[in-house]
Amino acid sequence: MRTVGVEEELLLVDLDSGRPRSVAMQVLGASAARSGNAGGQGRVGGSLEHELQQEQVETDTTPHADLLALQVELRSWRDTAIRAARDAGARLVATGSSPLPVEPTMMRDRRL
């Protein structure tokens, strides 16, 4: 049976100006504090993790054969990211890049 998962790159922006903010690590910390889970290390999908730039986070679902189950998990990860961004004083925007000019801050990570 075929399965599908979804990965989303989400931009972190200032609540007032909408300009991108370098708060990915704070967002991930807020998420871990809420859930006791630091991300999906060692698993296929099902995580909130950092992206290439500190102005972004990434969600990914586990693979699903049932599209309704995929939708439920996708919304759950979006809600997790929204709450964690709010805890870090930012807003989440479902776009892979900023429509406003920005000087991106790269993550320091061996995987990149």
Protein backbone atom coordinates (compact mmCIF):
# COMPACT_ATOMS: atom_id res chain seq x y z
CA MET A 1 0.00 0.00 0.00
CA ARG A 2 1.30 3.47 -0.83
CA THR A 3 1.91 6.01 1.90
CA VAL A 4 2.49 9.75 1.92
CA GLY A 5 3.93 12.19 4.43
CA VAL A 6 4.07 15.98 4.43
CA GLU A 7 6.97 18.28 5.24
CA GLU A 8 6.44 22.02 5.69
CA GLU A 9 8.95 24.85 6.02
CA LEU A 10 7.47 27.62 8.16
CA LEU A 11 8.71 31.19 8.47
CA LEU A 12 8.99 32.83 11.92
CA VAL A 13 8.07 36.51 11.88
CA ASP A 14 7.76 39.43 14.28
CA LEU A 15 4.26 39.84 15.72
CA ASP A 16 4.04 43.53 14.78
CA SER A 17 6.19 44.12 11.71
CA GLY A 18 5.94 40.74 9.98
CA ARG A 19 9.70 40.76 9.45
CA PRO A 20 11.49 37.40 9.81
CA ARG A 21 12.98 36.70 13.27
CA SER A 22 15.90 34.42 14.17
CA VAL A 23 14.08 32.53 16.93
CA ALA A 24 14.03 28.92 15.68
CA MET A 25 15.97 27.60 18.68
CA GLN A 26 13.61 29.37 21.10
CA VAL A 27 10.63 27.91 19.25
CA LEU A 28 12.08 24.40 19.43
CA GLY A 29 12.87 24.91 23.12
CA ALA A 30 9.31 26.08 23.79
CA SER A 31 7.94 23.06 21.95
CA ALA A 32 10.16 20.67 23.90
CA ALA A 33 9.17 22.32 27.18
CA ARG A 34 5.49 21.90 26.34
CA SER A 35 5.71 18.31 25.13
CA GLY A 36 8.84 16.90 26.73
CA ASN A 37 9.98 15.99 23.21
CA ALA A 38 12.93 17.67 21.52
CA GLY A 39 11.94 16.55 18.03
CA GLY A 40 11.93 13.42 15.95
CA GLN A 41 15.53 12.28 16.24
CA GLY A 42 15.94 8.78 14.88
CA ARG A 43 12.34 8.55 13.58
CA VAL A 44 10.86 8.87 10.12
CA GLY A 45 8.63 11.92 10.29
CA GLY A 46 6.56 13.23 13.15
CA SER A 47 8.63 16.19 14.31
CA LEU A 48 9.14 19.91 14.68
CA GLU A 49 12.77 20.70 13.86
CA HIS A 50 15.03 23.52 12.71
CA GLU A 51 15.53 24.35 9.06
CA LEU A 52 18.47 25.80 7.14
CA GLN A 53 17.87 29.32 8.48
CA GLN A 54 17.16 30.40 12.05
CA GLU A 55 14.10 32.27 10.76
CA GLN A 56 12.44 28.95 9.88
CA VAL A 57 11.24 25.71 11.43
CA GLU A 58 10.12 22.54 9.73
CA THR A 59 7.35 20.09 10.51
CA ASP A 60 7.04 16.64 9.05
CA THR A 61 4.47 13.92 9.46
CA THR A 62 4.89 10.19 9.62
CA PRO A 63 3.92 8.35 6.43
CA HIS A 64 0.18 7.57 6.19
CA ALA A 65 -1.96 5.43 3.91
CA ASP A 66 -5.10 7.19 5.19
CA LEU A 67 -5.40 10.84 4.07
CA LEU A 68 -7.69 11.75 6.97
CA ALA A 69 -5.07 10.52 9.45
CA LEU A 70 -2.45 12.54 7.54
CA GLN A 71 -4.63 15.67 7.81
CA VAL A 72 -5.07 15.18 11.56
CA GLU A 73 -1.32 14.81 12.13
CA LEU A 74 -0.46 17.72 9.83
CA ARG A 75 -2.82 20.02 11.72
CA SER A 76 -1.46 18.80 15.04
CA TRP A 77 2.13 19.67 14.04
CA ARG A 78 1.01 23.08 12.72
CA ASP A 79 -0.76 23.75 16.05
CA THR A 80 2.37 22.68 17.96
CA ALA A 81 4.50 25.05 15.86
CA ILE A 82 2.01 27.94 16.24
CA ARG A 83 1.92 27.62 20.04
CA ALA A 84 5.71 27.32 20.31
CA ALA A 85 6.22 30.36 18.04
CA ARG A 86 3.79 32.36 20.19
CA ASP A 87 5.74 31.31 23.31
CA ALA A 88 8.89 32.66 21.63
CA GLY A 89 7.19 35.98 20.79
CA ALA A 90 6.79 35.26 17.09
CA ARG A 91 4.13 34.36 14.57
CA LEU A 92 4.26 31.46 12.16
CA VAL A 93 3.73 31.96 8.40
CA ALA A 94 3.24 28.99 6.09
CA THR A 95 5.68 30.10 3.43
CA GLY A 96 9.11 28.75 2.59
CA SER A 97 10.69 32.18 2.24
CA SER A 98 10.08 35.77 3.25
CA PRO A 99 8.25 38.16 0.93
CA LEU A 100 10.16 40.97 2.70
CA PRO A 101 13.90 41.63 2.36
CA VAL A 102 15.87 39.78 5.05
CA GLU A 103 19.46 38.94 5.88
CA PRO A 104 19.08 35.25 6.83
CA THR A 105 20.92 33.73 9.78
CA MET A 106 22.17 30.24 9.00
CA MET A 107 21.85 27.38 11.50
CA ARG A 108 25.02 25.84 12.80
CA ASP A 109 24.43 22.13 12.44
CA ARG A 110 26.39 19.18 11.09
CA ARG A 111 23.46 17.95 8.97
CA LEU A 112 23.59 21.13 6.91
